[in-house]
Amino acid sequence: MKAMMSHEPGGPEALKLTELPTPTPGPSQILIAVKAAGVNFPDTLIIRDLYQFKPPRPFAPGGEVAGIVVSVSDNVTDFAPGDRVLAGGINGGYATHFIAEAGRSYKIPDAMPFDEAAGFMLTYGTSHYALKNRADIQPGESLFILGAAGGVGAAAIELGKAFGAKIVAGVSSDDKAAFCKELGADETLIYPTGALDRPAQKALSGEIKKLCGGEGANVVYDAVGGDYAEPSLRALAWEGRYLVVGFPAGIPKIPLNLTLLKSCQIVGVFWGAFTMRNPALNADYVAELFQFYKDGKIRPRITASFPLEQAADALELLQERKATGKVVLTVE
């Protein structure tokens, strides 16, 4: 097998295409011939040793794949060679073959392309868990999404609509705003890039409130962080919920008195840990996601595709925040 391996901490350019022995599945595992692998922002962190988990080196990044089952261990009965599946993990996806835990693998519909399957679970799983479990979003509530044109943000637009919310999509350019409108956003907000001084933050907060209507946003989905966090929190309505999803613009410092004044909640979203701590509930959520897909309510927008050996280019696109929708690697 071949894999794009991280041999030492560094950026995308440090990944090297490496020949490795093809692994054999252990107990409760399956071996997948990878057809496509999802590219996600955490992949840019894990290769720099900046993620919550630090796999021993050398390792291949990549937490989600789709492909065909090659072999299964003796105790696996739910899968067989030839099954079309998607699967996930912490790393290992940027490769021609992937060892997956059977309990974290799912058969995919015959009509689901491998690239869509590879871009499905992490983004929709994260956003579904955020909106349904952590925010308990209700029909008619307003949802403001920071970084709405990215993978998890785009998923949040579609899922927010599926849950009956009013969607205000926050993005950094006209092109991204148009993309969010295509996904179903009710309103779009183009926020300034770079450092925001106090007047700029105040103006941003006011614009969020205006577009969300009433007192402000019932739920804020923050996949950006940095200087955008505090004005978004200030734009929350009474008893609003602020979802902490990611920090590509930096880890913010929040004045906690704002939570008292608005009687609001700041809620962490760590979907990966949730799947391990509550696999039964996660299975119910996954079933709902597949039903949404079959009903046409959600569909990954694959906007960029790279061959496996160009994984560095795919990661550069993400870390420079130029990507819209989902980026994938393909394996011939």
Protein backbone atom coordinates (compact mmCIF):
# COMPACT_ATOMS: atom_id res chain seq x y z
CA MET A 1 0.00 0.00 0.00
CA LYS A 2 0.95 3.67 -0.31
CA ALA A 3 0.32 6.52 2.11
CA MET A 4 1.13 10.18 2.55
CA MET A 5 3.08 10.01 5.79
CA SER A 6 4.04 12.55 8.42
CA HIS A 7 7.54 11.64 9.60
CA GLU A 8 8.13 14.81 11.64
CA PRO A 9 6.04 17.79 12.78
CA GLY A 10 5.53 20.29 10.00
CA GLY A 11 3.21 21.71 7.38
CA PRO A 12 1.65 19.98 4.39
CA GLU A 13 4.92 20.10 2.46
CA ALA A 14 6.45 17.69 5.00
CA LEU A 15 4.18 14.79 3.95
CA LYS A 16 5.93 12.08 1.94
CA LEU A 17 4.43 9.38 -0.28
CA THR A 18 5.61 6.17 1.34
CA GLU A 19 5.39 2.47 0.42
CA LEU A 20 4.18 0.32 3.34
CA PRO A 21 3.11 -3.28 3.93
CA THR A 22 -0.66 -3.66 3.49
CA PRO A 23 -2.06 -4.30 6.99
CA THR A 24 -4.24 -7.18 8.10
CA PRO A 25 -7.41 -6.44 10.11
CA GLY A 26 -7.29 -7.36 13.78
CA PRO A 27 -10.24 -8.33 16.01
CA SER A 28 -13.41 -6.33 15.17
CA GLN A 29 -11.66 -4.60 12.28
CA ILE A 30 -12.07 -4.39 8.49
CA LEU A 31 -9.59 -3.54 5.72
CA ILE A 32 -10.84 -1.00 3.19
CA ALA A 33 -9.44 -0.27 -0.26
CA VAL A 34 -9.75 3.50 -0.17
CA LYS A 35 -11.43 5.22 -3.12
CA ALA A 36 -11.67 8.69 -1.56
CA ALA A 37 -10.54 10.38 1.65
CA GLY A 38 -11.97 13.52 3.23
CA VAL A 39 -9.66 16.47 3.89
CA ASN A 40 -10.48 18.43 7.03
CA PHE A 41 -9.02 21.32 9.01
CA PRO A 42 -7.93 19.08 11.92
CA ASP A 43 -5.61 17.33 9.44
CA THR A 44 -3.64 20.59 9.18
CA LEU A 45 -3.24 20.59 12.97
CA ILE A 46 -2.44 16.93 13.60
CA ILE A 47 0.61 16.99 11.31
CA ARG A 48 1.98 19.90 13.37
CA ASP A 49 1.28 18.18 16.73
CA LEU A 50 -1.35 20.86 17.47
CA TYR A 51 -4.40 18.58 17.65
CA GLN A 52 -6.01 17.04 20.75
CA PHE A 53 -4.58 13.64 19.77
CA LYS A 54 -0.95 13.03 18.80
CA PRO A 55 -0.49 9.71 16.97
CA PRO A 56 2.97 8.09 17.11
CA ARG A 57 5.04 8.82 14.03
CA PRO A 58 5.23 8.06 11.26
CA PHE A 59 1.51 8.30 10.53
CA ALA A 60 -0.81 9.29 7.70
CA PRO A 61 -3.31 12.06 8.49
CA GLY A 62 -6.93 11.75 7.44
CA GLY A 63 -9.92 10.89 9.61
CA GLU A 64 -12.50 9.76 7.07
CA VAL A 65 -12.47 7.44 4.06
CA ALA A 66 -14.84 5.71 1.67
CA GLY A 67 -14.11 2.59 -0.32
CA ILE A 68 -14.62 -1.14 -0.73
CA VAL A 69 -14.11 -3.78 1.96
CA VAL A 70 -11.20 -6.07 1.10
CA SER A 71 -11.16 -8.34 4.13
CA VAL A 72 -12.63 -8.64 7.63
CA SER A 73 -11.51 -10.28 10.88
CA ASP A 74 -13.09 -13.55 11.93
CA ASN A 75 -15.42 -11.97 14.50
CA VAL A 76 -16.91 -9.37 12.11
CA THR A 77 -20.33 -10.40 10.79
CA ASP A 78 -21.85 -7.08 9.63
CA PHE A 79 -19.43 -6.57 6.73
CA ALA A 80 -18.08 -8.70 3.90
CA PRO A 81 -15.56 -8.21 1.08
CA GLY A 82 -17.10 -6.10 -1.66
CA ASP A 83 -19.26 -3.93 0.61
CA ARG A 84 -19.24 -0.21 -0.16
CA VAL A 85 -18.52 1.62 3.11
CA LEU A 86 -17.42 4.79 4.78
CA ALA A 87 -15.36 4.80 7.95
CA GLY A 88 -13.49 7.13 10.24
CA GLY A 89 -10.81 7.40 12.86
CA ILE A 90 -8.20 9.82 14.17
CA ASN A 91 -5.75 9.34 11.32
CA GLY A 92 -4.62 6.95 8.59
CA GLY A 93 -6.99 8.02 5.82
CA TYR A 94 -4.48 9.47 3.36
CA ALA A 95 -3.63 6.03 2.02
CA THR A 96 -4.63 3.38 -0.48
CA HIS A 97 -5.78 1.09 2.35
CA PHE A 98 -7.32 1.81 5.74
CA ILE A 99 -7.89 -0.35 8.80
CA ALA A 100 -11.23 0.59 10.36
CA GLU A 101 -13.07 -0.47 13.45
CA ALA A 102 -16.21 -2.30 12.34
CA GLY A 103 -18.23 -0.38 14.93
CA ARG A 104 -17.20 2.93 13.34
CA SER A 105 -17.90 1.86 9.76
CA TYR A 106 -21.14 2.17 7.79
CA LYS A 107 -22.46 0.73 4.56
CA ILE A 108 -23.34 3.45 2.10
CA PRO A 109 -26.29 3.63 -0.31
CA ASP A 110 -25.58 2.29 -3.81
CA ALA A 111 -26.36 5.71 -5.27
CA MET A 112 -23.86 7.51 -3.01
CA PRO A 113 -20.58 8.32 -4.84
CA PHE A 114 -17.37 7.56 -2.99
CA ASP A 115 -16.28 11.22 -2.94
CA GLU A 116 -19.55 12.28 -1.29
CA ALA A 117 -19.27 9.40 1.17
CA ALA A 118 -15.71 10.44 2.09
CA GLY A 119 -16.94 13.98 2.74
CA PHE A 120 -19.99 12.96 4.71
CA MET A 121 -19.41 11.76 8.24
CA LEU A 122 -17.06 14.22 9.91
CA THR A 123 -18.71 17.42 8.70
CA TYR A 124 -22.33 16.32 9.02
CA GLY A 125 -21.61 14.32 12.18
CA THR A 126 -20.03 17.36 13.83
CA SER A 127 -22.76 19.78 12.79
CA HIS A 128 -25.62 17.39 13.59
CA TYR A 129 -24.24 16.74 17.07
CA ALA A 130 -23.68 20.48 17.56
CA LEU A 131 -27.15 21.60 16.52
CA LYS A 132 -29.27 18.73 17.81
CA ASN A 133 -27.46 17.61 20.95
CA ARG A 134 -25.49 20.61 22.17
CA ALA A 135 -27.79 23.46 21.05
CA ASP A 136 -31.15 21.64 20.97
CA ILE A 137 -32.07 23.97 18.11
CA GLN A 138 -35.80 24.46 17.56
CA PRO A 139 -37.91 25.30 14.49
CA GLY A 140 -38.12 29.04 13.95
CA GLU A 141 -34.93 29.88 15.87
CA SER A 142 -32.20 31.92 14.22
CA LEU A 143 -28.78 30.36 13.58
CA PHE A 144 -25.68 32.43 12.80
CA ILE A 145 -22.81 30.41 11.31
CA LEU A 146 -19.22 31.69 11.28
CA GLY A 147 -17.17 30.13 8.48
CA ALA A 148 -20.37 29.03 6.78
CA ALA A 149 -18.77 28.17 3.41
CA GLY A 150 -16.34 25.62 4.86
CA GLY A 151 -16.99 21.91 5.35
CA VAL A 152 -18.68 21.94 8.76
CA GLY A 153 -20.25 25.34 8.10
CA ALA A 154 -21.89 24.20 4.87
CA ALA A 155 -23.16 21.11 6.66
CA ALA A 156 -24.58 23.36 9.41
CA ILE A 157 -26.51 25.37 6.81
CA GLU A 158 -28.22 22.27 5.40
CA LEU A 159 -28.87 20.70 8.79
CA GLY A 160 -30.11 23.99 10.25
CA LYS A 161 -32.65 24.17 7.42
CA ALA A 162 -33.61 20.53 8.03
CA PHE A 163 -34.29 21.41 11.67
CA GLY A 164 -36.42 24.41 10.65
CA ALA A 165 -34.09 27.25 11.65
CA LYS A 166 -33.53 30.63 10.00
CA ILE A 167 -29.95 30.61 8.67
CA VAL A 168 -27.60 33.62 8.59
CA ALA A 169 -24.33 32.58 6.97
CA GLY A 170 -21.18 34.50 7.89
CA VAL A 171 -18.40 34.39 5.27
CA SER A 172 -15.40 36.38 4.07
CA SER A 173 -16.20 36.95 0.36
CA ASP A 174 -18.96 37.42 -2.19
CA ASP A 175 -18.20 34.06 -3.81
CA LYS A 176 -18.61 32.28 -0.50
CA ALA A 177 -21.84 34.17 0.17
CA ALA A 178 -23.25 33.01 -3.16
CA PHE A 179 -22.25 29.44 -2.35
CA CYS A 180 -24.10 29.62 0.98
CA LYS A 181 -27.21 30.98 -0.73
CA GLU A 182 -27.14 27.94 -3.03
CA LEU A 183 -27.09 25.73 0.07
CA GLY A 184 -30.22 27.41 1.43
CA ALA A 185 -28.99 30.23 3.69
CA ASP A 186 -31.72 32.82 4.29
CA GLU A 187 -29.26 35.68 4.77
CA THR A 188 -25.53 36.15 4.28
CA LEU A 189 -23.08 38.43 6.06
CA ILE A 190 -19.65 39.23 4.65
CA TYR A 191 -17.38 39.98 7.58
CA PRO A 192 -14.01 41.80 7.34
CA THR A 193 -10.79 39.81 7.30
CA GLY A 194 -7.76 40.36 9.49
CA ALA A 195 -7.63 41.84 12.99
CA LEU A 196 -10.81 43.57 14.16
CA ASP A 197 -10.60 46.61 16.42
CA ARG A 198 -13.37 47.45 18.87
CA PRO A 199 -15.43 49.59 16.46
CA ALA A 200 -15.24 46.83 13.81
CA GLN A 201 -16.30 44.22 16.35
CA LYS A 202 -19.20 46.39 17.48
CA ALA A 203 -20.32 46.90 13.88
CA LEU A 204 -20.13 43.15 13.22
CA SER A 205 -22.21 42.38 16.29
CA GLY A 206 -24.86 44.88 15.23
CA GLU A 207 -25.06 43.42 11.73
CA ILE A 208 -25.49 39.89 13.09
CA LYS A 209 -28.34 41.04 15.34
CA LYS A 210 -30.00 42.89 12.48
CA LEU A 211 -29.93 39.92 10.11
CA CYS A 212 -31.04 37.44 12.78
CA GLY A 213 -33.99 39.64 13.72
CA GLY A 214 -35.41 40.35 17.16
CA GLU A 215 -32.85 40.31 19.96
CA GLY A 216 -30.20 38.49 17.94
CA ALA A 217 -29.16 34.91 17.22
CA ASN A 218 -30.65 32.06 19.22
CA VAL A 219 -27.66 29.90 18.27
CA VAL A 220 -24.17 30.86 17.10
CA TYR A 221 -22.09 28.16 15.37
CA ASP A 222 -18.46 29.30 15.60
CA ALA A 223 -16.02 27.39 13.41
CA VAL A 224 -13.63 30.37 13.15
CA GLY A 225 -12.77 31.83 16.58
CA GLY A 226 -10.29 34.68 16.86
CA ASP A 227 -11.58 38.26 16.81
CA TYR A 228 -14.95 37.08 15.47
CA ALA A 229 -15.88 35.21 18.64
CA GLU A 230 -16.70 38.03 21.07
CA PRO A 231 -18.89 40.07 18.68
CA SER A 232 -20.76 36.90 17.77
CA LEU A 233 -21.34 36.13 21.45
CA ARG A 234 -22.54 39.70 21.99
CA ALA A 235 -25.05 39.14 19.17
CA LEU A 236 -26.73 36.26 21.02
CA ALA A 237 -30.34 36.62 22.07
CA TRP A 238 -31.54 35.97 25.63
CA GLU A 239 -30.77 32.35 26.63
CA GLY A 240 -28.86 31.84 23.39
CA ARG A 241 -26.36 29.04 22.83
CA TYR A 242 -22.85 29.66 21.53
CA LEU A 243 -21.29 26.55 19.93
CA VAL A 244 -17.50 26.30 20.08
CA VAL A 245 -16.47 24.27 17.02
CA GLY A 246 -13.02 25.42 15.87
CA PHE A 247 -10.32 28.11 15.93
CA PRO A 248 -8.62 28.65 12.53
CA ALA A 249 -8.47 32.39 13.34
CA GLY A 250 -7.04 31.72 16.82
CA ILE A 251 -8.31 30.76 20.29
CA PRO A 252 -10.33 33.72 21.64
CA LYS A 253 -10.63 35.12 25.15
CA ILE A 254 -14.25 35.70 26.16
CA PRO A 255 -15.50 38.11 28.88
CA LEU A 256 -17.62 35.79 31.01
CA ASN A 257 -19.83 38.61 32.22
CA LEU A 258 -21.56 38.40 28.83
CA THR A 259 -22.94 34.98 29.73
CA LEU A 260 -24.55 36.47 32.84
CA LEU A 261 -26.04 39.47 31.03
CA LYS A 262 -27.64 37.29 28.37
CA SER A 263 -28.24 34.21 30.53
CA CYS A 264 -26.62 32.36 27.64
CA GLN A 265 -24.51 29.23 27.30
CA ILE A 266 -21.06 28.65 25.80
CA VAL A 267 -21.10 25.04 24.69
CA GLY A 268 -18.19 22.91 23.51
CA VAL A 269 -18.60 20.63 20.49
CA PHE A 270 -16.24 17.61 20.44
CA TRP A 271 -18.03 15.16 18.18
CA GLY A 272 -15.14 12.68 17.98
CA ALA A 273 -15.09 12.13 21.73
CA PHE A 274 -18.89 11.91 21.78
CA THR A 275 -18.86 9.04 19.26
CA MET A 276 -16.56 7.06 21.54
CA ARG A 277 -18.37 7.89 24.78
CA ASN A 278 -21.91 7.32 23.50
CA PRO A 279 -21.79 5.02 20.46
CA ALA A 280 -25.44 3.99 20.76
CA LEU A 281 -26.76 7.54 20.54
CA ASN A 282 -24.28 8.32 17.78
CA ALA A 283 -25.64 5.37 15.79
CA ASP A 284 -29.12 6.93 16.03
CA TYR A 285 -27.72 10.24 14.81
CA VAL A 286 -25.93 8.56 11.89
CA ALA A 287 -29.18 6.83 10.90
CA GLU A 288 -30.93 10.22 10.84
CA LEU A 289 -28.13 11.67 8.68
CA PHE A 290 -28.47 8.89 6.12
CA GLN A 291 -32.22 9.46 6.06
CA PHE A 292 -31.65 13.18 5.46
CA TYR A 293 -29.33 12.23 2.58
CA LYS A 294 -31.88 9.87 1.05
CA ASP A 295 -34.55 12.56 1.40
CA GLY A 296 -32.34 15.08 -0.43
CA LYS A 297 -32.04 17.42 2.57
CA ILE A 298 -28.24 17.15 2.76
CA ARG A 299 -25.53 16.39 0.20
CA PRO A 300 -21.79 17.03 0.46
CA ARG A 301 -20.67 19.66 -2.06
CA ILE A 302 -17.34 18.39 -3.38
CA THR A 303 -15.73 21.56 -4.67
CA ALA A 304 -12.11 20.39 -4.95
CA SER A 305 -10.58 16.96 -5.58
CA PHE A 306 -6.90 16.01 -5.60
CA PRO A 307 -5.08 12.72 -6.20
CA LEU A 308 -3.56 11.13 -3.10
CA GLU A 309 -0.03 12.26 -3.92
CA GLN A 310 -1.19 15.89 -3.99
CA ALA A 311 -2.46 15.83 -0.41
CA ALA A 312 -0.23 18.80 0.46
CA ASP A 313 -2.05 20.97 -2.11
CA ALA A 314 -5.41 19.97 -0.63
CA LEU A 315 -4.26 20.87 2.89
CA GLU A 316 -2.85 24.19 1.70
CA LEU A 317 -6.27 25.07 0.28
CA LEU A 318 -7.87 24.46 3.68
CA GLN A 319 -5.33 26.19 5.89
CA GLU A 320 -5.39 29.27 3.66
CA ARG A 321 -9.20 29.28 4.11
CA LYS A 322 -9.80 29.31 0.36
CA ALA A 323 -11.98 26.19 0.27
CA THR A 324 -15.74 26.14 -0.02
CA GLY A 325 -17.71 23.00 0.70
CA LYS A 326 -15.74 19.76 0.87
CA VAL A 327 -12.24 18.87 -0.31
CA VAL A 328 -11.34 15.22 -0.96
CA LEU A 329 -8.45 13.05 -2.09
CA THR A 330 -9.09 10.35 -4.67
CA VAL A 331 -7.31 7.02 -5.03
CA GLU A 332 -7.17 5.27 -8.39
